[in-house]
């Protein structure tokens, strides 16, 4: 009778060890390259009202991921998206703080950079929040949101980015 409990206990122990191994197999200690796709929401600017609505447009980008320590990463990135009738390119250097939570990595951080629109170069500052999941040994999936302010004289432009993508560790 006691031997019948041994098999379910062994199966549960094996499953728990697999989950624990997967959680520790995340490659936060290796450099990575990634690509993301999502939506860019610059706040609409008109002549009558400075900021009255958000314009949705497709945005995409690529980035690197450089871990400094287990819970801190430096992430240079480039994002491309339409800003009103022109194309904009953001070059940012995000400083991300990682919160490991079971099989997920939750991150928050600061993301300053430069935005180029036509011939103008605007400084931007913003924050980033997101979550990543280790799909395979060297591939992560992530979802994040970045809110930033483009500094343009007296009238700043606010932009919200929401994206999903993959990160390849090597």
N, C-alpha and C. Protein backbone atom coordinates (compact mmCIF):
# COMPACT_ATOMS: atom_id res chain seq x y z
N UNK A 1 0.81 -1.19 0.00
CA UNK A 1 0.00 0.00 0.00
C UNK A 1 0.86 1.26 0.00
N UNK A 2 1.96 1.28 0.74
CA UNK A 2 2.83 2.44 0.81
C UNK A 2 3.58 2.65 -0.50
N UNK A 3 3.80 1.60 -1.28
CA UNK A 3 4.51 1.72 -2.55
C UNK A 3 3.68 2.45 -3.60
N UNK A 4 2.36 2.48 -3.48
CA UNK A 4 1.53 3.18 -4.47
C UNK A 4 1.70 4.69 -4.37
N UNK A 5 2.09 5.21 -3.23
CA UNK A 5 2.31 6.65 -3.11
C UNK A 5 3.69 7.06 -3.62
N UNK A 6 4.57 6.12 -3.76
CA UNK A 6 5.93 6.43 -4.20
C UNK A 6 5.97 6.95 -5.64
N UNK A 7 5.22 6.37 -6.54
CA UNK A 7 5.22 6.80 -7.95
C UNK A 7 4.69 8.22 -8.11
N UNK A 8 3.51 8.61 -7.55
CA UNK A 8 3.07 9.99 -7.71
C UNK A 8 4.02 11.00 -7.06
N UNK A 9 4.61 10.66 -5.93
CA UNK A 9 5.55 11.56 -5.28
C UNK A 9 6.79 11.74 -6.15
N UNK A 10 7.27 10.67 -6.77
CA UNK A 10 8.43 10.76 -7.66
C UNK A 10 8.11 11.61 -8.89
N UNK A 11 6.92 11.47 -9.44
CA UNK A 11 6.53 12.26 -10.62
C UNK A 11 6.45 13.74 -10.26
N UNK A 12 5.83 14.06 -9.13
CA UNK A 12 5.72 15.45 -8.70
C UNK A 12 7.11 16.03 -8.44
N UNK A 13 7.99 15.28 -7.80
CA UNK A 13 9.36 15.75 -7.55
C UNK A 13 10.11 16.00 -8.85
N UNK A 14 9.93 15.13 -9.85
CA UNK A 14 10.57 15.31 -11.15
C UNK A 14 10.05 16.56 -11.84
N UNK A 15 8.73 16.79 -11.82
CA UNK A 15 8.17 17.99 -12.43
C UNK A 15 8.65 19.25 -11.75
N UNK A 16 8.71 19.25 -10.43
CA UNK A 16 9.21 20.42 -9.71
C UNK A 16 10.67 20.69 -10.02
N UNK A 17 11.48 19.66 -10.17
CA UNK A 17 12.88 19.87 -10.51
C UNK A 17 13.03 20.43 -11.92
N UNK A 18 12.15 20.02 -12.84
CA UNK A 18 12.18 20.57 -14.20
C UNK A 18 11.82 22.05 -14.19
N UNK A 19 10.79 22.43 -13.41
CA UNK A 19 10.40 23.83 -13.32
C UNK A 19 11.52 24.67 -12.71
N UNK A 20 12.14 24.16 -11.66
CA UNK A 20 13.24 24.90 -11.03
C UNK A 20 14.42 25.03 -11.97
N UNK A 21 14.73 23.99 -12.72
CA UNK A 21 15.83 24.04 -13.67
C UNK A 21 15.54 25.05 -14.77
N UNK A 22 14.30 25.10 -15.25
CA UNK A 22 13.93 26.06 -16.29
C UNK A 22 14.05 27.48 -15.78
N UNK A 23 13.66 27.72 -14.55
CA UNK A 23 13.74 29.07 -13.99
C UNK A 23 15.19 29.52 -13.86
N UNK A 24 16.10 28.63 -13.57
CA UNK A 24 17.50 29.00 -13.43
C UNK A 24 18.23 29.02 -14.76
N UNK A 25 17.63 28.51 -15.81
CA UNK A 25 18.32 28.43 -17.10
C UNK A 25 18.24 29.71 -17.90
N UNK A 26 17.61 30.74 -17.34
CA UNK A 26 17.52 31.99 -18.08
C UNK A 26 18.91 32.59 -18.24
N UNK A 27 19.18 33.11 -19.44
CA UNK A 27 20.51 33.59 -19.78
C UNK A 27 20.67 35.08 -19.49
N UNK A 28 20.52 35.48 -18.25
CA UNK A 28 20.72 36.88 -17.91
C UNK A 28 22.19 37.26 -17.89
N UNK A 29 23.07 36.28 -17.94
CA UNK A 29 24.49 36.57 -17.85
C UNK A 29 25.18 36.60 -19.20
N UNK A 30 24.45 36.52 -20.30
CA UNK A 30 25.08 36.57 -21.61
C UNK A 30 24.51 37.71 -22.44
N UNK A 31 25.34 38.22 -23.33
CA UNK A 31 24.95 39.32 -24.21
C UNK A 31 23.91 38.82 -25.20
N UNK A 32 22.97 39.69 -25.59
CA UNK A 32 21.94 39.27 -26.52
C UNK A 32 21.63 40.33 -27.56
N UNK A 33 21.02 39.90 -28.65
CA UNK A 33 20.52 40.77 -29.70
C UNK A 33 19.05 40.46 -29.90
N UNK A 34 18.25 41.51 -30.13
CA UNK A 34 16.82 41.27 -30.27
C UNK A 34 16.17 42.19 -31.26
N UNK A 35 14.92 41.87 -31.57
CA UNK A 35 14.09 42.66 -32.45
C UNK A 35 12.70 42.74 -31.84
N UNK A 36 12.03 43.89 -32.04
CA UNK A 36 10.69 44.06 -31.48
C UNK A 36 9.77 44.71 -32.50
N UNK A 37 8.48 44.42 -32.36
CA UNK A 37 7.44 45.00 -33.20
C UNK A 37 6.29 45.43 -32.30
N UNK A 38 5.67 46.54 -32.63
CA UNK A 38 4.57 46.98 -31.79
C UNK A 38 3.92 48.24 -32.30
N UNK A 39 3.37 48.98 -31.37
CA UNK A 39 2.65 50.19 -31.70
C UNK A 39 3.34 51.38 -31.03
N UNK A 40 3.41 52.48 -31.76
CA UNK A 40 3.92 53.74 -31.23
C UNK A 40 2.73 54.69 -31.16
N UNK A 41 2.59 55.34 -30.03
CA UNK A 41 1.47 56.25 -29.81
C UNK A 41 1.98 57.65 -29.49
N UNK A 42 2.36 58.44 -30.51
CA UNK A 42 2.73 59.82 -30.21
C UNK A 42 1.47 60.65 -29.99
N UNK A 43 1.58 61.58 -29.06
CA UNK A 43 0.42 62.42 -28.77
C UNK A 43 0.24 63.41 -29.92
N UNK A 44 -0.99 63.49 -30.41
CA UNK A 44 -1.31 64.32 -31.58
C UNK A 44 -1.15 65.79 -31.25
N UNK A 45 -0.58 66.54 -32.16
CA UNK A 45 -0.33 67.96 -31.96
C UNK A 45 -1.00 68.74 -33.09
N UNK A 46 -1.86 69.68 -32.75
CA UNK A 46 -2.53 70.51 -33.74
C UNK A 46 -2.23 71.98 -33.46
N UNK A 47 -2.66 72.86 -34.36
CA UNK A 47 -2.44 74.30 -34.17
C UNK A 47 -3.31 74.86 -33.05
N UNK A 48 -4.57 74.40 -32.97
CA UNK A 48 -5.49 74.95 -31.98
C UNK A 48 -5.20 74.43 -30.57
N UNK A 49 -4.99 73.13 -30.46
CA UNK A 49 -4.76 72.50 -29.16
C UNK A 49 -3.40 71.81 -29.21
N UNK A 50 -2.56 72.06 -28.22
CA UNK A 50 -1.22 71.47 -28.24
C UNK A 50 -1.27 69.94 -28.29
N UNK A 51 -1.93 69.31 -27.32
CA UNK A 51 -1.99 67.85 -27.27
C UNK A 51 -3.42 67.44 -27.00
N UNK A 52 -4.07 66.85 -27.98
CA UNK A 52 -5.47 66.51 -27.76
C UNK A 52 -5.79 65.03 -27.97
N UNK A 53 -4.93 64.28 -28.61
CA UNK A 53 -5.26 62.90 -28.91
C UNK A 53 -3.97 62.11 -29.16
N UNK A 54 -4.08 60.80 -29.12
CA UNK A 54 -2.94 59.93 -29.39
C UNK A 54 -3.11 59.33 -30.78
N UNK A 55 -2.07 59.36 -31.61
CA UNK A 55 -2.07 58.76 -32.94
C UNK A 55 -1.36 57.42 -32.88
N UNK A 56 -2.04 56.36 -33.29
CA UNK A 56 -1.43 55.02 -33.28
C UNK A 56 -0.74 54.76 -34.61
N UNK A 57 0.45 54.18 -34.54
CA UNK A 57 1.18 53.81 -35.75
C UNK A 57 2.07 52.61 -35.43
N UNK A 58 2.48 51.93 -36.48
CA UNK A 58 3.34 50.75 -36.34
C UNK A 58 4.76 51.20 -36.04
N UNK A 59 5.41 50.52 -35.12
CA UNK A 59 6.80 50.80 -34.81
C UNK A 59 7.58 49.50 -34.69
N UNK A 60 8.85 49.55 -34.98
CA UNK A 60 9.69 48.37 -34.84
C UNK A 60 11.10 48.84 -34.47
N UNK A 61 11.89 47.90 -33.99
CA UNK A 61 13.24 48.27 -33.60
C UNK A 61 14.11 47.08 -33.32
N UNK A 62 15.35 47.37 -33.02
CA UNK A 62 16.29 46.32 -32.64
C UNK A 62 17.13 46.85 -31.49
N UNK A 63 17.74 45.93 -30.77
CA UNK A 63 18.47 46.34 -29.58
C UNK A 63 19.49 45.29 -29.19
N UNK A 64 20.38 45.69 -28.33
CA UNK A 64 21.34 44.79 -27.72
C UNK A 64 21.02 44.71 -26.24
N UNK A 65 21.51 43.69 -25.59
CA UNK A 65 21.27 43.52 -24.17
C UNK A 65 22.60 43.16 -23.52
N UNK A 66 23.10 44.03 -22.65
CA UNK A 66 24.40 43.83 -22.02
C UNK A 66 24.20 43.72 -20.51
N UNK A 67 24.29 42.52 -19.95
CA UNK A 67 24.13 42.39 -18.50
C UNK A 67 25.38 42.85 -17.76
N UNK A 68 25.19 43.73 -16.78
CA UNK A 68 26.30 44.18 -15.94
C UNK A 68 26.44 43.27 -14.72
N UNK A 69 25.32 43.01 -14.06
CA UNK A 69 25.23 42.04 -12.97
C UNK A 69 23.92 41.27 -13.17
N UNK A 70 23.61 40.34 -12.28
CA UNK A 70 22.42 39.51 -12.46
C UNK A 70 21.12 40.31 -12.55
N UNK A 71 21.04 41.43 -11.84
CA UNK A 71 19.78 42.17 -11.79
C UNK A 71 19.87 43.56 -12.42
N UNK A 72 20.87 43.81 -13.24
CA UNK A 72 21.01 45.11 -13.91
C UNK A 72 21.55 44.89 -15.31
N UNK A 73 20.86 45.49 -16.31
CA UNK A 73 21.27 45.37 -17.71
C UNK A 73 21.30 46.73 -18.37
N UNK A 74 22.21 46.90 -19.30
CA UNK A 74 22.29 48.10 -20.14
C UNK A 74 21.82 47.68 -21.52
N UNK A 75 20.83 48.41 -22.06
CA UNK A 75 20.21 48.00 -23.32
C UNK A 75 20.20 49.15 -24.32
N UNK A 76 21.16 49.20 -25.25
CA UNK A 76 21.08 50.17 -26.34
C UNK A 76 20.03 49.70 -27.35
N UNK A 77 19.26 50.66 -27.88
CA UNK A 77 18.21 50.28 -28.83
C UNK A 77 18.00 51.36 -29.87
N UNK A 78 17.38 50.96 -30.98
CA UNK A 78 16.97 51.88 -32.04
C UNK A 78 15.54 51.53 -32.42
N UNK A 79 14.66 52.52 -32.41
CA UNK A 79 13.25 52.33 -32.75
C UNK A 79 12.89 53.24 -33.92
N UNK A 80 12.10 52.71 -34.83
CA UNK A 80 11.64 53.49 -35.98
C UNK A 80 10.13 53.51 -35.99
N UNK A 81 9.53 54.69 -36.19
CA UNK A 81 8.08 54.84 -36.19
C UNK A 81 7.71 56.17 -36.83
N UNK A 82 6.49 56.29 -37.35
CA UNK A 82 6.04 57.57 -37.89
C UNK A 82 5.66 58.54 -36.76
N UNK A 83 6.09 59.77 -36.88
CA UNK A 83 5.73 60.83 -35.94
C UNK A 83 5.04 61.92 -36.75
N UNK A 84 3.71 61.96 -36.64
CA UNK A 84 2.87 62.84 -37.46
C UNK A 84 3.06 62.44 -38.92
N UNK A 85 3.58 63.28 -39.77
CA UNK A 85 3.74 62.91 -41.18
C UNK A 85 5.18 62.56 -41.52
N UNK A 86 6.08 62.59 -40.54
CA UNK A 86 7.49 62.29 -40.76
C UNK A 86 7.87 60.98 -40.09
N UNK A 87 9.01 60.44 -40.48
CA UNK A 87 9.54 59.25 -39.83
C UNK A 87 10.48 59.66 -38.71
N UNK A 88 10.40 58.96 -37.59
CA UNK A 88 11.25 59.24 -36.44
C UNK A 88 12.11 58.04 -36.14
N UNK A 89 13.31 58.30 -35.66
CA UNK A 89 14.23 57.25 -35.22
C UNK A 89 14.71 57.61 -33.82
N UNK A 90 14.48 56.70 -32.89
CA UNK A 90 14.96 56.87 -31.52
C UNK A 90 16.20 56.01 -31.31
N UNK A 91 17.20 56.58 -30.69
CA UNK A 91 18.36 55.83 -30.25
C UNK A 91 18.42 56.04 -28.74
N UNK A 92 18.22 54.96 -28.00
CA UNK A 92 18.15 55.04 -26.54
C UNK A 92 19.19 54.14 -25.90
N UNK A 93 19.49 54.44 -24.64
CA UNK A 93 20.34 53.60 -23.81
C UNK A 93 19.59 53.36 -22.51
N UNK A 94 18.90 52.23 -22.42
CA UNK A 94 18.07 51.92 -21.25
C UNK A 94 18.91 51.28 -20.16
N UNK A 95 18.61 51.66 -18.94
CA UNK A 95 19.22 51.07 -17.75
C UNK A 95 18.12 50.30 -17.04
N UNK A 96 18.14 48.96 -17.17
CA UNK A 96 17.04 48.12 -16.68
C UNK A 96 17.43 47.39 -15.40
N UNK A 97 16.51 47.42 -14.44
CA UNK A 97 16.66 46.69 -13.20
C UNK A 97 15.74 45.48 -13.27
N UNK A 98 16.30 44.29 -13.08
CA UNK A 98 15.59 43.02 -13.27
C UNK A 98 15.08 42.51 -11.93
N UNK A 99 13.83 42.06 -11.92
CA UNK A 99 13.23 41.41 -10.76
C UNK A 99 12.88 39.99 -11.19
N UNK A 100 13.71 38.98 -10.83
CA UNK A 100 13.39 37.60 -11.20
C UNK A 100 12.18 37.10 -10.41
N UNK A 101 11.20 36.57 -11.10
CA UNK A 101 9.98 36.06 -10.47
C UNK A 101 9.63 34.73 -11.11
N UNK A 102 10.07 33.66 -10.51
CA UNK A 102 9.85 32.29 -10.97
C UNK A 102 10.43 32.12 -12.36
N UNK A 103 9.63 31.97 -13.42
CA UNK A 103 10.17 31.79 -14.77
C UNK A 103 10.14 33.09 -15.56
N UNK A 104 9.70 34.18 -14.94
CA UNK A 104 9.62 35.47 -15.61
C UNK A 104 10.70 36.40 -15.07
N UNK A 105 11.12 37.33 -15.90
CA UNK A 105 11.98 38.43 -15.47
C UNK A 105 11.19 39.72 -15.69
N UNK A 106 10.84 40.36 -14.60
CA UNK A 106 10.14 41.65 -14.67
C UNK A 106 11.22 42.72 -14.63
N UNK A 107 11.08 43.76 -15.46
CA UNK A 107 12.09 44.81 -15.44
C UNK A 107 11.47 46.19 -15.50
N UNK A 108 12.15 47.14 -14.87
CA UNK A 108 11.81 48.55 -14.89
C UNK A 108 13.10 49.31 -15.11
N UNK A 109 13.00 50.50 -15.67
CA UNK A 109 14.23 51.24 -15.88
C UNK A 109 14.03 52.62 -16.46
N UNK A 110 15.14 53.28 -16.66
CA UNK A 110 15.22 54.61 -17.23
C UNK A 110 15.78 54.49 -18.64
N UNK A 111 15.23 55.26 -19.60
CA UNK A 111 15.65 55.14 -21.00
C UNK A 111 15.84 56.51 -21.65
N UNK A 112 16.99 57.17 -21.42
CA UNK A 112 17.27 58.43 -22.11
C UNK A 112 17.81 58.18 -23.52
N UNK A 113 17.69 59.20 -24.38
CA UNK A 113 18.20 59.03 -25.73
C UNK A 113 18.01 60.25 -26.61
N UNK A 114 18.12 60.02 -27.90
CA UNK A 114 17.99 61.07 -28.92
C UNK A 114 16.99 60.60 -29.96
N UNK A 115 16.10 61.50 -30.39
CA UNK A 115 15.14 61.21 -31.45
C UNK A 115 15.46 62.10 -32.64
N UNK A 116 15.55 61.50 -33.81
CA UNK A 116 15.80 62.24 -35.04
C UNK A 116 14.52 62.25 -35.86
N UNK A 117 14.04 63.47 -36.17
CA UNK A 117 12.86 63.67 -37.01
C UNK A 117 13.26 64.66 -38.09
N UNK A 118 13.27 64.20 -39.34
CA UNK A 118 13.75 65.02 -40.47
C UNK A 118 15.17 65.50 -40.14
N UNK A 119 15.38 66.81 -40.04
CA UNK A 119 16.71 67.35 -39.72
C UNK A 119 16.85 67.74 -38.25
N UNK A 120 15.83 67.51 -37.45
CA UNK A 120 15.85 67.87 -36.03
C UNK A 120 16.35 66.72 -35.18
N UNK A 121 17.12 67.04 -34.18
CA UNK A 121 17.58 66.07 -33.19
C UNK A 121 17.04 66.51 -31.84
N UNK A 122 16.16 65.71 -31.26
CA UNK A 122 15.52 66.04 -29.99
C UNK A 122 15.98 65.07 -28.91
N UNK A 123 16.32 65.59 -27.75
CA UNK A 123 16.62 64.72 -26.63
C UNK A 123 15.33 64.15 -26.09
N UNK A 124 15.39 62.90 -25.60
CA UNK A 124 14.21 62.31 -24.97
C UNK A 124 14.61 61.64 -23.67
N UNK A 125 13.66 61.56 -22.78
CA UNK A 125 13.87 60.87 -21.52
C UNK A 125 12.58 60.12 -21.20
N UNK A 126 12.73 58.93 -20.65
CA UNK A 126 11.53 58.15 -20.38
C UNK A 126 11.81 56.96 -19.49
N UNK A 127 10.77 56.20 -19.28
CA UNK A 127 10.86 55.00 -18.46
C UNK A 127 10.40 53.79 -19.24
N UNK A 128 10.83 52.63 -18.78
CA UNK A 128 10.48 51.38 -19.44
C UNK A 128 10.04 50.38 -18.38
N UNK A 129 9.06 49.58 -18.72
CA UNK A 129 8.60 48.49 -17.86
C UNK A 129 8.25 47.32 -18.76
N UNK A 130 8.56 46.11 -18.32
CA UNK A 130 8.28 44.96 -19.16
C UNK A 130 8.51 43.65 -18.44
N UNK A 131 8.28 42.58 -19.18
CA UNK A 131 8.46 41.23 -18.66
C UNK A 131 9.02 40.37 -19.79
N UNK A 132 9.97 39.48 -19.43
CA UNK A 132 10.52 38.55 -20.42
C UNK A 132 10.41 37.13 -19.89
N UNK A 133 10.38 36.20 -20.84
CA UNK A 133 10.20 34.79 -20.54
C UNK A 133 11.19 34.00 -21.36
N UNK A 134 11.93 33.11 -20.72
CA UNK A 134 12.90 32.28 -21.41
C UNK A 134 12.18 31.13 -22.11
N UNK A 135 12.09 31.19 -23.45
CA UNK A 135 11.39 30.17 -24.23
C UNK A 135 12.27 28.94 -24.45
N UNK A 136 13.50 29.15 -24.91
CA UNK A 136 14.48 28.09 -25.09
C UNK A 136 15.75 28.51 -24.36
N UNK A 137 16.77 27.71 -24.44
CA UNK A 137 17.99 28.01 -23.69
C UNK A 137 18.62 29.33 -24.11
N UNK A 138 18.48 29.73 -25.37
CA UNK A 138 19.09 30.98 -25.81
C UNK A 138 18.11 31.94 -26.47
N UNK A 139 16.81 31.80 -26.21
CA UNK A 139 15.81 32.66 -26.82
C UNK A 139 14.78 33.09 -25.79
N UNK A 140 14.61 34.40 -25.64
CA UNK A 140 13.63 34.97 -24.73
C UNK A 140 12.53 35.66 -25.52
N UNK A 141 11.32 35.61 -25.00
CA UNK A 141 10.22 36.41 -25.51
C UNK A 141 9.98 37.54 -24.50
N UNK A 142 9.58 38.72 -24.98
CA UNK A 142 9.33 39.81 -24.05
C UNK A 142 8.16 40.67 -24.52
N UNK A 143 7.59 41.37 -23.57
CA UNK A 143 6.58 42.40 -23.81
C UNK A 143 6.98 43.58 -22.95
N UNK A 144 7.01 44.78 -23.55
CA UNK A 144 7.35 45.95 -22.73
C UNK A 144 6.62 47.20 -23.21
N UNK A 145 6.65 48.20 -22.36
CA UNK A 145 6.07 49.51 -22.67
C UNK A 145 7.09 50.57 -22.28
N UNK A 146 7.23 51.55 -23.15
CA UNK A 146 8.16 52.66 -22.89
C UNK A 146 7.41 53.97 -23.07
N UNK A 147 7.47 54.81 -22.06
CA UNK A 147 6.85 56.14 -22.12
C UNK A 147 7.97 57.16 -22.09
N UNK A 148 7.97 58.06 -23.07
CA UNK A 148 9.05 59.04 -23.12
C UNK A 148 8.55 60.42 -23.51
N UNK A 149 9.34 61.40 -23.18
CA UNK A 149 9.04 62.79 -23.51
C UNK A 149 10.15 63.30 -24.43
N UNK A 150 9.76 63.75 -25.62
CA UNK A 150 10.71 64.36 -26.55
C UNK A 150 10.77 65.84 -26.20
N UNK A 151 11.94 66.32 -25.89
CA UNK A 151 12.10 67.71 -25.44
C UNK A 151 12.25 68.59 -26.67
N UNK A 152 11.20 69.42 -26.92
CA UNK A 152 11.16 70.28 -28.10
C UNK A 152 10.76 71.70 -27.68
N UNK A 153 11.71 72.45 -27.19
CA UNK A 153 11.45 73.82 -26.78
C UNK A 153 10.42 73.92 -25.67
N UNK A 154 9.39 74.75 -25.90
CA UNK A 154 8.34 74.94 -24.89
C UNK A 154 7.27 73.85 -24.93
N UNK A 155 7.13 73.17 -26.05
CA UNK A 155 6.09 72.14 -26.18
C UNK A 155 6.74 70.77 -26.37
N UNK A 156 6.73 69.99 -25.33
CA UNK A 156 7.29 68.64 -25.40
C UNK A 156 6.29 67.68 -26.02
N UNK A 157 6.80 66.65 -26.67
CA UNK A 157 5.97 65.63 -27.30
C UNK A 157 6.09 64.36 -26.48
N UNK A 158 4.96 63.79 -26.12
CA UNK A 158 4.96 62.54 -25.36
C UNK A 158 4.65 61.38 -26.29
N UNK A 159 5.38 60.27 -26.11
CA UNK A 159 5.22 59.09 -26.96
C UNK A 159 5.17 57.85 -26.07
N UNK A 160 4.22 56.98 -26.35
CA UNK A 160 4.10 55.71 -25.66
C UNK A 160 4.37 54.59 -26.67
N UNK A 161 5.29 53.69 -26.34
CA UNK A 161 5.60 52.53 -27.19
C UNK A 161 5.17 51.27 -26.46
N UNK A 162 4.48 50.39 -27.13
CA UNK A 162 4.15 49.06 -26.61
C UNK A 162 4.64 48.06 -27.64
N UNK A 163 5.45 47.10 -27.20
CA UNK A 163 6.07 46.19 -28.16
C UNK A 163 6.22 44.79 -27.58
N UNK A 164 6.37 43.85 -28.50
CA UNK A 164 6.69 42.47 -28.16
C UNK A 164 7.80 42.03 -29.09
N UNK A 165 8.64 41.12 -28.62
CA UNK A 165 9.74 40.69 -29.48
C UNK A 165 10.49 39.50 -28.92
N UNK A 166 11.62 39.24 -29.55
CA UNK A 166 12.46 38.12 -29.16
C UNK A 166 13.87 38.64 -28.91
N UNK A 167 14.59 37.94 -28.03
CA UNK A 167 15.98 38.26 -27.70
C UNK A 167 16.79 36.97 -27.81
N UNK A 168 17.82 37.00 -28.63
CA UNK A 168 18.68 35.84 -28.83
C UNK A 168 19.97 36.05 -28.04
N UNK A 169 20.28 35.12 -27.13
CA UNK A 169 21.51 35.17 -26.33
C UNK A 169 22.61 34.38 -27.02
N UNK A 170 23.82 34.88 -26.95
CA UNK A 170 24.95 34.13 -27.49
C UNK A 170 26.13 34.18 -26.56
